[in-house]
PDB file of N, CA and C in Angstrom:
ATOM      1  N   MET A   1       0.895  -1.136  -0.072  1.00  0.00           N
ATOM      2  CA  MET A   1       0.025   0.015  -0.017  1.00  0.00           C
ATOM      3  C   MET A   1       0.938   1.263  -0.083  1.00  0.00           C
ATOM      4  N   THR A   2       0.680   2.166  -0.735  1.00  0.00           N
ATOM      5  CA  THR A   2       1.439   3.420  -0.878  1.00  0.00           C
ATOM      6  C   THR A   2       0.998   4.304   0.238  1.00  0.00           C
ATOM      7  N   PRO A   3       1.998   5.280   0.585  1.00  0.00           N
ATOM      8  CA  PRO A   3       1.801   6.195   1.871  1.00  0.00           C
ATOM      9  C   PRO A   3       0.350   6.887   1.691  1.00  0.00           C
ATOM     10  N   LEU A   4       0.000   7.173   0.424  1.00  0.00           N
ATOM     11  CA  LEU A   4      -1.246   7.930   0.236  1.00  0.00           C
ATOM     12  C   LEU A   4      -2.342   7.185   0.056  1.00  0.00           C
ATOM     13  N   ALA A   5      -2.291   5.897   0.137  1.00  0.00           N
ATOM     14  CA  ALA A   5      -3.479   4.958  -0.170  1.00  0.00           C
ATOM     15  C   ALA A   5      -4.409   5.100   1.187  1.00  0.00           C
ATOM     16  N   VAL A   6      -5.586   4.988   0.762  1.00  0.00           N
ATOM     17  CA  VAL A   6      -6.679   4.995   1.912  1.00  0.00           C
ATOM     18  C   VAL A   6      -6.974   3.678   2.468  1.00  0.00           C
ATOM     19  N   LYS A   7      -6.985   3.637   3.825  1.00  0.00           N
ATOM     20  CA  LYS A   7      -7.386   2.218   4.460  1.00  0.00           C
ATOM     21  C   LYS A   7      -8.804   2.390   4.941  1.00  0.00           C
ATOM     22  N   TYR A   8      -9.843   1.730   4.366  1.00  0.00           N
ATOM     23  CA  TYR A   8     -11.092   1.858   4.567  1.00  0.00           C
ATOM     24  C   TYR A   8     -11.565   0.967   5.786  1.00  0.00           C
ATOM     25  N   ASP A   9     -12.459   1.370   6.605  1.00  0.00           N
ATOM     26  CA  ASP A   9     -12.941   0.729   7.654  1.00  0.00           C
ATOM     27  C   ASP A   9     -14.251   0.000   7.290  1.00  0.00           C
ATOM     28  N   VAL A  10     -14.816  -0.853   8.112  1.00  0.00           N
ATOM     29  CA  VAL A  10     -15.974  -1.590   7.932  1.00  0.00           C
ATOM     30  C   VAL A  10     -17.201  -0.610   7.557  1.00  0.00           C
ATOM     31  N   PHE A  11     -17.317   0.347   8.266  1.00  0.00           N
ATOM     32  CA  PHE A  11     -18.565   1.356   8.098  1.00  0.00           C
ATOM     33  C   PHE A  11     -18.412   2.091   6.648  1.00  0.00           C
ATOM     34  N   GLN A  12     -17.250   2.523   6.243  1.00  0.00           N
ATOM     35  CA  GLN A  12     -17.025   3.009   4.916  1.00  0.00           C
ATOM     36  C   GLN A  12     -17.312   2.072   3.902  1.00  0.00           C
ATOM     37  N   ALA A  13     -16.905   0.757   4.028  1.00  0.00           N
ATOM     38  CA  ALA A  13     -16.972  -0.427   3.160  1.00  0.00           C
ATOM     39  C   ALA A  13     -18.448  -0.768   2.832  1.00  0.00           C
ATOM     40  N   ILE A  14     -19.212  -0.607   3.892  1.00  0.00           N
ATOM     41  CA  ILE A  14     -20.695  -1.125   3.691  1.00  0.00           C
ATOM     42  C   ILE A  14     -21.450   0.124   3.323  1.00  0.00           C
ATOM     43  N   ALA A  15     -21.071   1.331   3.358  1.00  0.00           N
ATOM     44  CA  ALA A  15     -21.759   2.483   2.945  1.00  0.00           C
ATOM     45  C   ALA A  15     -22.379   2.524   1.644  1.00  0.00           C
ATOM     46  N   ASP A  16     -21.757   1.722   0.729  1.00  0.00           N
ATOM     47  CA  ASP A  16     -22.164   1.745  -0.539  1.00  0.00           C
ATOM     48  C   ASP A  16     -23.001   0.514  -0.983  1.00  0.00           C
ATOM     49  N   PRO A  17     -24.127   0.684  -1.640  1.00  0.00           N
ATOM     50  CA  PRO A  17     -25.152  -0.377  -1.983  1.00  0.00           C
ATOM     51  C   PRO A  17     -24.542  -1.384  -2.754  1.00  0.00           C
ATOM     52  N   THR A  18     -23.818  -1.149  -3.649  1.00  0.00           N
ATOM     53  CA  THR A  18     -23.040  -2.108  -4.536  1.00  0.00           C
ATOM     54  C   THR A  18     -22.176  -3.001  -3.655  1.00  0.00           C
ATOM     55  N   ARG A  19     -21.464  -2.415  -2.753  1.00  0.00           N
ATOM     56  CA  ARG A  19     -20.567  -3.279  -1.929  1.00  0.00           C
ATOM     57  C   ARG A  19     -21.319  -4.099  -0.945  1.00  0.00           C
ATOM     58  N   ARG A  20     -22.570  -3.583  -0.392  1.00  0.00           N
ATOM     59  CA  ARG A  20     -23.417  -4.458   0.353  1.00  0.00           C
ATOM     60  C   ARG A  20     -23.905  -5.682  -0.368  1.00  0.00           C
ATOM     61  N   HIS A  21     -24.225  -5.406  -1.641  1.00  0.00           N
ATOM     62  CA  HIS A  21     -24.754  -6.462  -2.618  1.00  0.00           C
ATOM     63  C   HIS A  21     -23.755  -7.514  -2.821  1.00  0.00           C
ATOM     64  N   VAL A  22     -22.493  -7.054  -2.921  1.00  0.00           N
ATOM     65  CA  VAL A  22     -21.273  -7.950  -3.144  1.00  0.00           C
ATOM     66  C   VAL A  22     -21.212  -8.960  -1.890  1.00  0.00           C
ATOM     67  N   LEU A  23     -21.173  -8.354  -0.816  1.00  0.00           N
ATOM     68  CA  LEU A  23     -21.201  -9.075   0.481  1.00  0.00           C
ATOM     69  C   LEU A  23     -22.417 -10.178   0.508  1.00  0.00           C
ATOM     70  N   GLN A  24     -23.671  -9.730   0.142  1.00  0.00           N
ATOM     71  CA  GLN A  24     -24.672 -10.738   0.096  1.00  0.00           C
ATOM     72  C   GLN A  24     -24.490 -11.887  -0.857  1.00  0.00           C
ATOM     73  N   LEU A  25     -23.762 -11.551  -2.007  1.00  0.00           N
ATOM     74  CA  LEU A  25     -23.607 -12.536  -2.942  1.00  0.00           C
ATOM     75  C   LEU A  25     -22.518 -13.452  -2.431  1.00  0.00           C
ATOM     76  N   LEU A  26     -21.495 -12.892  -1.771  1.00  0.00           N
ATOM     77  CA  LEU A  26     -20.384 -13.843  -1.094  1.00  0.00           C
ATOM     78  C   LEU A  26     -20.895 -14.490   0.079  1.00  0.00           C
ATOM     79  N   ALA A  27     -22.065 -14.229   0.650  1.00  0.00           N
ATOM     80  CA  ALA A  27     -22.555 -14.879   1.916  1.00  0.00           C
ATOM     81  C   ALA A  27     -22.845 -16.329   1.540  1.00  0.00           C
ATOM     82  N   SER A  28     -23.246 -16.632   0.430  1.00  0.00           N
ATOM     83  CA  SER A  28     -23.763 -18.095   0.085  1.00  0.00           C
ATOM     84  C   SER A  28     -22.537 -18.948  -0.337  1.00  0.00           C
ATOM     85  N   SER A  29     -21.610 -18.328  -0.955  1.00  0.00           N
ATOM     86  CA  SER A  29     -20.258 -19.116  -1.281  1.00  0.00           C
ATOM     87  C   SER A  29     -19.262 -18.082  -1.824  1.00  0.00           C
ATOM     88  N   ASP A  30     -18.033 -18.697  -1.938  1.00  0.00           N
ATOM     89  CA  ASP A  30     -16.953 -17.943  -2.468  1.00  0.00           C
ATOM     90  C   ASP A  30     -17.164 -17.870  -4.080  1.00  0.00           C
ATOM     91  N   LYS A  31     -16.774 -16.780  -4.679  1.00  0.00           N
ATOM     92  CA  LYS A  31     -17.119 -16.574  -6.071  1.00  0.00           C
ATOM     93  C   LYS A  31     -15.798 -15.750  -6.744  1.00  0.00           C
ATOM     94  N   PRO A  32     -15.769 -16.101  -8.123  1.00  0.00           N
ATOM     95  CA  PRO A  32     -14.779 -15.437  -8.754  1.00  0.00           C
ATOM     96  C   PRO A  32     -15.222 -14.133  -9.344  1.00  0.00           C
ATOM     97  N   ILE A  33     -14.470 -13.235  -9.728  1.00  0.00           N
ATOM     98  CA  ILE A  33     -14.903 -11.872 -10.114  1.00  0.00           C
ATOM     99  C   ILE A  33     -15.908 -12.026 -11.218  1.00  0.00           C
ATOM    100  N   SER A  34     -15.723 -12.944 -12.152  1.00  0.00           N
ATOM    101  CA  SER A  34     -16.668 -13.047 -13.278  1.00  0.00           C
ATOM    102  C   SER A  34     -18.061 -13.247 -12.901  1.00  0.00           C
ATOM    103  N   LEU A  35     -18.220 -14.108 -11.739  1.00  0.00           N
ATOM    104  CA  LEU A  35     -19.620 -14.389 -11.299  1.00  0.00           C
ATOM    105  C   LEU A  35     -20.249 -13.219 -10.501  1.00  0.00           C
ATOM    106  N   ILE A  36     -19.268 -12.528  -9.892  1.00  0.00           N
ATOM    107  CA  ILE A  36     -19.809 -11.324  -9.099  1.00  0.00           C
ATOM    108  C   ILE A  36     -20.211 -10.313 -10.085  1.00  0.00           C
ATOM    109  N   SER A  37     -19.381  -9.981 -11.093  1.00  0.00           N
ATOM    110  CA  SER A  37     -19.520  -8.933 -11.977  1.00  0.00           C
ATOM    111  C   SER A  37     -21.020  -9.148 -12.867  1.00  0.00           C
ATOM    112  N   GLU A  38     -21.295 -10.363 -13.114  1.00  0.00           N
ATOM    113  CA  GLU A  38     -22.559 -10.701 -13.759  1.00  0.00           C
ATOM    114  C   GLU A  38     -23.803 -10.067 -13.000  1.00  0.00           C
ATOM    115  N   ASN A  39     -23.661  -9.780 -11.762  1.00  0.00           N
ATOM    116  CA  ASN A  39     -24.925  -9.368 -11.027  1.00  0.00           C
ATOM    117  C   ASN A  39     -25.086  -7.793 -11.058  1.00  0.00           C
ATOM    118  N   PHE A  40     -24.225  -6.974 -11.888  1.00  0.00           N
ATOM    119  CA  PHE A  40     -24.098  -5.706 -11.821  1.00  0.00           C
ATOM    120  C   PHE A  40     -24.161  -5.100 -13.222  1.00  0.00           C
ATOM    121  N   SER A  41     -24.791  -3.851 -13.307  1.00  0.00           N
ATOM    122  CA  SER A  41     -24.795  -3.272 -14.729  1.00  0.00           C
ATOM    123  C   SER A  41     -23.636  -2.447 -14.811  1.00  0.00           C
ATOM    124  N   ILE A  42     -22.735  -2.350 -13.838  1.00  0.00           N
ATOM    125  CA  ILE A  42     -21.340  -1.591 -13.995  1.00  0.00           C
ATOM    126  C   ILE A  42     -20.406  -2.438 -14.534  1.00  0.00           C
ATOM    127  N   SER A  43     -19.174  -1.773 -14.920  1.00  0.00           N
ATOM    128  CA  SER A  43     -18.127  -2.530 -15.559  1.00  0.00           C
ATOM    129  C   SER A  43     -17.376  -3.565 -14.630  1.00  0.00           C
ATOM    130  N   ARG A  44     -16.798  -4.425 -15.024  1.00  0.00           N
ATOM    131  CA  ARG A  44     -16.021  -5.403 -14.333  1.00  0.00           C
ATOM    132  C   ARG A  44     -14.824  -4.536 -13.606  1.00  0.00           C
ATOM    133  N   THR A  45     -14.339  -3.554 -14.227  1.00  0.00           N
ATOM    134  CA  THR A  45     -13.308  -2.764 -13.514  1.00  0.00           C
ATOM    135  C   THR A  45     -13.866  -2.058 -12.286  1.00  0.00           C
ATOM    136  N   ALA A  46     -15.171  -1.589 -12.492  1.00  0.00           N
ATOM    137  CA  ALA A  46     -15.742  -0.870 -11.414  1.00  0.00           C
ATOM    138  C   ALA A  46     -16.078  -1.879 -10.107  1.00  0.00           C
ATOM    139  N   VAL A  47     -16.379  -2.983 -10.565  1.00  0.00           N
ATOM    140  CA  VAL A  47     -16.579  -4.114  -9.478  1.00  0.00           C
ATOM    141  C   VAL A  47     -15.343  -4.510  -8.802  1.00  0.00           C
ATOM    142  N   VAL A  48     -14.175  -4.470  -9.574  1.00  0.00           N
ATOM    143  CA  VAL A  48     -12.954  -4.852  -8.869  1.00  0.00           C
ATOM    144  C   VAL A  48     -12.552  -3.682  -8.004  1.00  0.00           C
ATOM    145  N   LYS A  49     -12.934  -2.490  -8.254  1.00  0.00           N
ATOM    146  CA  LYS A  49     -12.502  -1.293  -7.257  1.00  0.00           C
ATOM    147  C   LYS A  49     -13.472  -1.584  -6.098  1.00  0.00           C
ATOM    148  N   HIS A  50     -14.720  -1.863  -6.166  1.00  0.00           N
ATOM    149  CA  HIS A  50     -15.466  -2.229  -4.915  1.00  0.00           C
ATOM    150  C   HIS A  50     -14.868  -3.305  -4.069  1.00  0.00           C
ATOM    151  N   LEU A  51     -14.376  -4.336  -4.797  1.00  0.00           N
ATOM    152  CA  LEU A  51     -13.783  -5.551  -3.992  1.00  0.00           C
ATOM    153  C   LEU A  51     -12.489  -5.082  -3.435  1.00  0.00           C
ATOM    154  N   LYS A  52     -11.863  -4.205  -3.960  1.00  0.00           N
ATOM    155  CA  LYS A  52     -10.576  -3.817  -3.389  1.00  0.00           C
ATOM    156  C   LYS A  52     -10.849  -2.905  -2.052  1.00  0.00           C
ATOM    157  N   ILE A  53     -11.871  -2.152  -1.976  1.00  0.00           N
ATOM    158  CA  ILE A  53     -12.372  -1.415  -0.912  1.00  0.00           C
ATOM    159  C   ILE A  53     -12.763  -2.562   0.179  1.00  0.00           C
ATOM    160  N   LEU A  54     -13.460  -3.483  -0.167  1.00  0.00           N
ATOM    161  CA  LEU A  54     -13.928  -4.530   0.726  1.00  0.00           C
ATOM    162  C   LEU A  54     -12.760  -5.269   1.324  1.00  0.00           C
ATOM    163  N   GLU A  55     -11.708  -5.460   0.439  1.00  0.00           N
ATOM    164  CA  GLU A  55     -10.448  -6.148   0.921  1.00  0.00           C
ATOM    165  C   GLU A  55      -9.676  -5.259   1.875  1.00  0.00           C
ATOM    166  N   GLN A  56      -9.708  -3.888   1.724  1.00  0.00           N
ATOM    167  CA  GLN A  56      -8.900  -3.028   2.463  1.00  0.00           C
ATOM    168  C   GLN A  56      -9.651  -3.016   3.897  1.00  0.00           C
ATOM    169  N   ALA A  57     -10.940  -3.152   3.972  1.00  0.00           N
ATOM    170  CA  ALA A  57     -11.750  -3.293   5.175  1.00  0.00           C
ATOM    171  C   ALA A  57     -11.657  -4.673   5.882  1.00  0.00           C
ATOM    172  N   GLU A  58     -11.023  -5.481   5.193  1.00  0.00           N
ATOM    173  CA  GLU A  58     -10.921  -7.020   5.632  1.00  0.00           C
ATOM    174  C   GLU A  58     -12.118  -7.748   5.653  1.00  0.00           C
ATOM    175  N   LEU A  59     -13.073  -7.290   4.854  1.00  0.00           N
ATOM    176  CA  LEU A  59     -14.385  -7.972   4.645  1.00  0.00           C
ATOM    177  C   LEU A  59     -14.356  -9.105   3.792  1.00  0.00           C
ATOM    178  N   VAL A  60     -13.566  -9.127   2.879  1.00  0.00           N
ATOM    179  CA  VAL A  60     -13.225 -10.138   1.788  1.00  0.00           C
ATOM    180  C   VAL A  60     -11.761 -10.346   1.673  1.00  0.00           C
ATOM    181  N   SER A  61     -11.523 -11.397   1.120  1.00  0.00           N
ATOM    182  CA  SER A  61     -10.018 -11.791   0.664  1.00  0.00           C
ATOM    183  C   SER A  61     -10.211 -12.449  -0.612  1.00  0.00           C
ATOM    184  N   ALA A  62      -9.061 -12.371  -1.359  1.00  0.00           N
ATOM    185  CA  ALA A  62      -8.911 -12.950  -2.688  1.00  0.00           C
ATOM    186  C   ALA A  62      -7.827 -13.904  -2.780  1.00  0.00           C
ATOM    187  N   GLN A  63      -8.125 -14.987  -3.414  1.00  0.00           N
ATOM    188  CA  GLN A  63      -7.070 -15.913  -3.759  1.00  0.00           C
ATOM    189  C   GLN A  63      -6.967 -16.378  -5.218  1.00  0.00           C
ATOM    190  N   LYS A  64      -5.860 -16.266  -5.733  1.00  0.00           N
ATOM    191  CA  LYS A  64      -5.641 -16.523  -7.206  1.00  0.00           C
ATOM    192  C   LYS A  64      -5.879 -18.031  -7.406  1.00  0.00           C
ATOM    193  N   LYS A  65      -6.697 -18.423  -8.514  1.00  0.00           N
ATOM    194  CA  LYS A  65      -6.833 -19.631  -8.959  1.00  0.00           C
ATOM    195  C   LYS A  65      -6.906 -19.622 -10.472  1.00  0.00           C
ATOM    196  N   GLY A  66      -5.728 -20.161 -11.136  1.00  0.00           N
ATOM    197  CA  GLY A  66      -5.664 -19.939 -12.415  1.00  0.00           C
ATOM    198  C   GLY A  66      -5.527 -18.616 -12.919  1.00  0.00           C
ATOM    199  N   ARG A  67      -6.472 -18.125 -13.838  1.00  0.00           N
ATOM    200  CA  ARG A  67      -6.418 -16.919 -14.361  1.00  0.00           C
ATOM    201  C   ARG A  67      -7.456 -15.871 -13.685  1.00  0.00           C
ATOM    202  N   GLU A  68      -8.192 -16.456 -12.538  1.00  0.00           N
ATOM    203  CA  GLU A  68      -9.225 -15.701 -11.891  1.00  0.00           C
ATOM    204  C   GLU A  68      -8.969 -15.579 -10.452  1.00  0.00           C
ATOM    205  N   LYS A  69      -9.475 -14.403  -9.758  1.00  0.00           N
ATOM    206  CA  LYS A  69      -9.323 -14.311  -8.380  1.00  0.00           C
ATOM    207  C   LYS A  69     -10.763 -14.926  -7.851  1.00  0.00           C
ATOM    208  N   ILE A  70     -10.589 -15.644  -6.713  1.00  0.00           N
ATOM    209  CA  ILE A  70     -11.774 -16.162  -6.067  1.00  0.00           C
ATOM    210  C   ILE A  70     -11.979 -15.343  -4.676  1.00  0.00           C
ATOM    211  N   TYR A  71     -13.187 -14.721  -4.421  1.00  0.00           N
ATOM    212  CA  TYR A  71     -13.334 -13.870  -3.245  1.00  0.00           C
ATOM    213  C   TYR A  71     -14.166 -14.610  -2.213  1.00  0.00           C
ATOM    214  N   THR A  72     -13.643 -14.489  -0.949  1.00  0.00           N
ATOM    215  CA  THR A  72     -14.254 -15.024   0.201  1.00  0.00           C
ATOM    216  C   THR A  72     -14.672 -14.150   1.087  1.00  0.00           C
ATOM    217  N   LEU A  73     -15.909 -14.180   1.692  1.00  0.00           N
ATOM    218  CA  LEU A  73     -16.456 -13.265   2.710  1.00  0.00           C
ATOM    219  C   LEU A  73     -15.871 -13.561   4.073  1.00  0.00           C
ATOM    220  N   HIS A  74     -15.472 -12.486   4.825  1.00  0.00           N
ATOM    221  CA  HIS A  74     -15.022 -12.675   6.164  1.00  0.00           C
ATOM    222  C   HIS A  74     -16.077 -11.768   7.012  1.00  0.00           C
ATOM    223  N   ALA A  75     -17.343 -12.569   7.299  1.00  0.00           N
ATOM    224  CA  ALA A  75     -18.304 -11.806   8.014  1.00  0.00           C
ATOM    225  C   ALA A  75     -18.152 -11.558   9.383  1.00  0.00           C
ATOM    226  N   GLU A  76     -17.136 -12.129   9.866  1.00  0.00           N
ATOM    227  CA  GLU A  76     -16.805 -11.883  11.419  1.00  0.00           C
ATOM    228  C   GLU A  76     -16.415 -10.306  11.529  1.00  0.00           C
ATOM    229  N   LYS A  77     -15.969  -9.808  10.482  1.00  0.00           N
ATOM    230  CA  LYS A  77     -15.552  -8.351  10.529  1.00  0.00           C
ATOM    231  C   LYS A  77     -16.982  -7.420  10.677  1.00  0.00           C
ATOM    232  N   LEU A  78     -18.043  -7.996  10.378  1.00  0.00           N
ATOM    233  CA  LEU A  78     -19.319  -7.209  10.495  1.00  0.00           C
ATOM    234  C   LEU A  78     -19.772  -7.075  12.026  1.00  0.00           C
ATOM    235  N   LYS A  79     -19.047  -7.929  12.729  1.00  0.00           N
ATOM    236  CA  LYS A  79     -19.337  -7.768  14.299  1.00  0.00           C
ATOM    237  C   LYS A  79     -19.173  -6.418  14.728  1.00  0.00           C
ATOM    238  N   GLU A  80     -18.237  -5.804  14.275  1.00  0.00           N
ATOM    239  CA  GLU A  80     -17.850  -4.170  14.668  1.00  0.00           C
ATOM    240  C   GLU A  80     -19.202  -3.501  14.430  1.00  0.00           C
ATOM    241  N   ILE A  81     -19.971  -3.686  13.443  1.00  0.00           N
ATOM    242  CA  ILE A  81     -21.224  -2.959  13.164  1.00  0.00           C
ATOM    243  C   ILE A  81     -22.210  -3.453  14.027  1.00  0.00           C
ATOM    244  N   GLU A  82     -22.340  -4.689  14.484  1.00  0.00           N
ATOM    245  CA  GLU A  82     -23.291  -5.311  15.128  1.00  0.00           C
ATOM    246  C   GLU A  82     -23.057  -4.628  16.783  1.00  0.00           C
ATOM    247  N   ASP A  83     -21.823  -4.562  17.152  1.00  0.00           N
ATOM    248  CA  ASP A  83     -21.490  -3.957  18.418  1.00  0.00           C
ATOM    249  C   ASP A  83     -21.866  -2.604  18.511  1.00  0.00           C
ATOM    250  N   TRP A  84     -21.745  -1.769  17.526  1.00  0.00           N
ATOM    251  CA  TRP A  84     -22.065  -0.434  17.452  1.00  0.00           C
ATOM    252  C   TRP A  84     -23.571  -0.265  17.530  1.00  0.00           C
ATOM    253  N   LEU A  85     -24.244  -1.056  16.742  1.00  0.00           N
ATOM    254  CA  LEU A  85     -25.755  -1.004  16.721  1.00  0.00           C
ATOM    255  C   LEU A  85     -26.361  -1.344  18.040  1.00  0.00           C
ATOM    256  N   GLN A  86     -25.675  -2.388  18.836  1.00  0.00           N
ATOM    257  CA  GLN A  86     -26.269  -2.686  20.180  1.00  0.00           C
ATOM    258  C   GLN A  86     -26.386  -1.670  21.142  1.00  0.00           C
ATOM    259  N   TYR A  87     -25.329  -0.658  20.926  1.00  0.00           N
ATOM    260  CA  TYR A  87     -25.488   0.507  21.943  1.00  0.00           C
ATOM    261  C   TYR A  87     -26.738   1.205  21.690  1.00  0.00           C
ATOM    262  N   PHE A  88     -27.140   1.400  20.322  1.00  0.00           N
ATOM    263  CA  PHE A  88     -28.337   2.125  20.142  1.00  0.00           C
ATOM    264  C   PHE A  88     -29.746   1.214  20.514  1.00  0.00           C
ATOM    265  N   ASP A  89     -29.559  -0.189  20.425  1.00  0.00           N
ATOM    266  CA  ASP A  89     -30.549  -0.955  20.983  1.00  0.00           C
ATOM    267  C   ASP A  89     -30.904  -0.539  22.436  1.00  0.00           C
ATOM    268  N   LEU A  90     -29.711  -0.469  23.268  1.00  0.00           N
ATOM    269  CA  LEU A  90     -29.967   0.063  24.651  1.00  0.00           C
ATOM    270  C   LEU A  90     -30.492   1.302  24.799  1.00  0.00           C
ATOM    271  N   PHE A  91     -30.132   2.281  23.974  1.00  0.00           N
ATOM    272  CA  PHE A  91     -30.720   3.543  23.896  1.00  0.00           C
ATOM    273  C   PHE A  91     -32.255   3.513  23.732  1.00  0.00           C
ATOM    274  N   TRP A  92     -32.623   2.777  22.730  1.00  0.00           N
ATOM    275  CA  TRP A  92     -34.129   2.775  22.378  1.00  0.00           C
ATOM    276  C   TRP A  92     -34.763   2.020  23.347  1.00  0.00           C
ATOM    277  N   ASP A  93     -34.218   0.984  24.025  1.00  0.00           N
ATOM    278  CA  ASP A  93     -34.782   0.164  24.975  1.00  0.00           C
ATOM    279  C   ASP A  93     -35.074   1.097  26.116  1.00  0.00           C
ATOM    280  N   ASN A  94     -34.072   1.974  26.599  1.00  0.00           N
ATOM    281  CA  ASN A  94     -34.331   2.921  27.731  1.00  0.00           C
ATOM    282  C   ASN A  94     -35.454   3.945  27.375  1.00  0.00           C
ATOM    283  N   LYS A  95     -35.409   4.422  26.209  1.00  0.00           N
ATOM    284  CA  LYS A  95     -36.526   5.499  25.803  1.00  0.00           C
ATOM    285  C   LYS A  95     -37.745   4.855  25.834  1.00  0.00           C
ATOM    286  N   LEU A  96     -37.801   3.700  25.386  1.00  0.00           N
ATOM    287  CA  LEU A  96     -39.195   2.938  25.431  1.00  0.00           C
ATOM    288  C   LEU A  96     -39.688   2.614  26.759  1.00  0.00           C
ATOM    289  N   ALA A  97     -38.743   2.255  27.748  1.00  0.00           N
ATOM    290  CA  ALA A  97     -39.064   1.994  29.186  1.00  0.00           C
ATOM    291  C   ALA A  97     -39.580   3.311  29.674  1.00  0.00           C
ATOM    292  N   GLN A  98     -38.962   4.455  29.455  1.00  0.00           N
ATOM    293  CA  GLN A  98     -39.367   5.883  29.902  1.00  0.00           C
ATOM    294  C   GLN A  98     -40.750   5.973  29.518  1.00  0.00           C
ATOM    295  N   LEU A  99     -40.981   5.918  28.252  1.00  0.00           N
ATOM    296  CA  LEU A  99     -42.373   6.016  27.610  1.00  0.00           C
ATOM    297  C   LEU A  99     -43.435   5.190  28.420  1.00  0.00           C
ATOM    298  N   GLN A 100     -43.095   3.922  28.542  1.00  0.00           N
ATOM    299  CA  GLN A 100     -44.033   2.957  29.097  1.00  0.00           C
ATOM    300  C   GLN A 100     -44.324   3.482  30.577  1.00  0.00           C
ATOM    301  N   SER A 101     -43.387   3.978  31.286  1.00  0.00           N
ATOM    302  CA  SER A 101     -43.484   4.327  32.750  1.00  0.00           C
ATOM    303  C   SER A 101     -44.358   5.644  32.646  1.00  0.00           C
ATOM    304  N   ILE A 102     -44.344   6.523  31.778  1.00  0.00           N
ATOM    305  CA  ILE A 102     -45.301   7.614  31.631  1.00  0.00           C
ATOM    306  C   ILE A 102     -46.626   7.315  31.429  1.00  0.00           C
ATOM    307  N   PHE A 103     -46.970   6.235  30.578  1.00  0.00           N
ATOM    308  CA  PHE A 103     -48.206   5.812  30.201  1.00  0.00           C
ATOM    309  C   PHE A 103     -48.686   5.075  31.447  1.00  0.00           C
ATOM    310  N   GLU A 104     -48.002   4.385  32.152  1.00  0.00           N
ATOM    311  CA  GLU A 104     -48.339   3.757  33.393  1.00  0.00           C
ATOM    312  C   GLU A 104     -48.783   4.578  34.428  1.00  0.00           C
ATOM    313  N   GLU A 105     -48.075   5.722  34.516  1.00  0.00           N
ATOM    314  CA  GLU A 105     -48.424   6.792  35.620  1.00  0.00           C
ATOM    315  C   GLU A 105     -49.735   7.385  35.315  1.00  0.00           C
ATOM    316  N   ASP A 106     -50.130   7.518  34.106  1.00  0.00           N
ATOM    317  CA  ASP A 106     -51.354   8.072  33.792  1.00  0.00           C
ATOM    318  C   ASP A 106     -52.553   7.078  33.925  1.00  0.00           C
TER     319      ASP A 106
END
């Protein structure tokens, strides 16, 4: 990676709908670029750029097999998002409990 290269985090990586779709495709099985690209109306080059961002966020990895790269999902990296969202689950649980106590008082 060059000094000016951007290192993407999980949140940046999933911010794009195309990358979220790629993750969904890889959830069922490892896939080569050719099969991933078939699911999009964008160029293969554009899909490769999205895959590189997902790689930098460590959500996918690639292994060269013959002339093709095979991509594998690393869903455990999505735990970071789940942990972040759990904070807001607690926030809303507390707000709903406060609302419930207001109604019960009336």
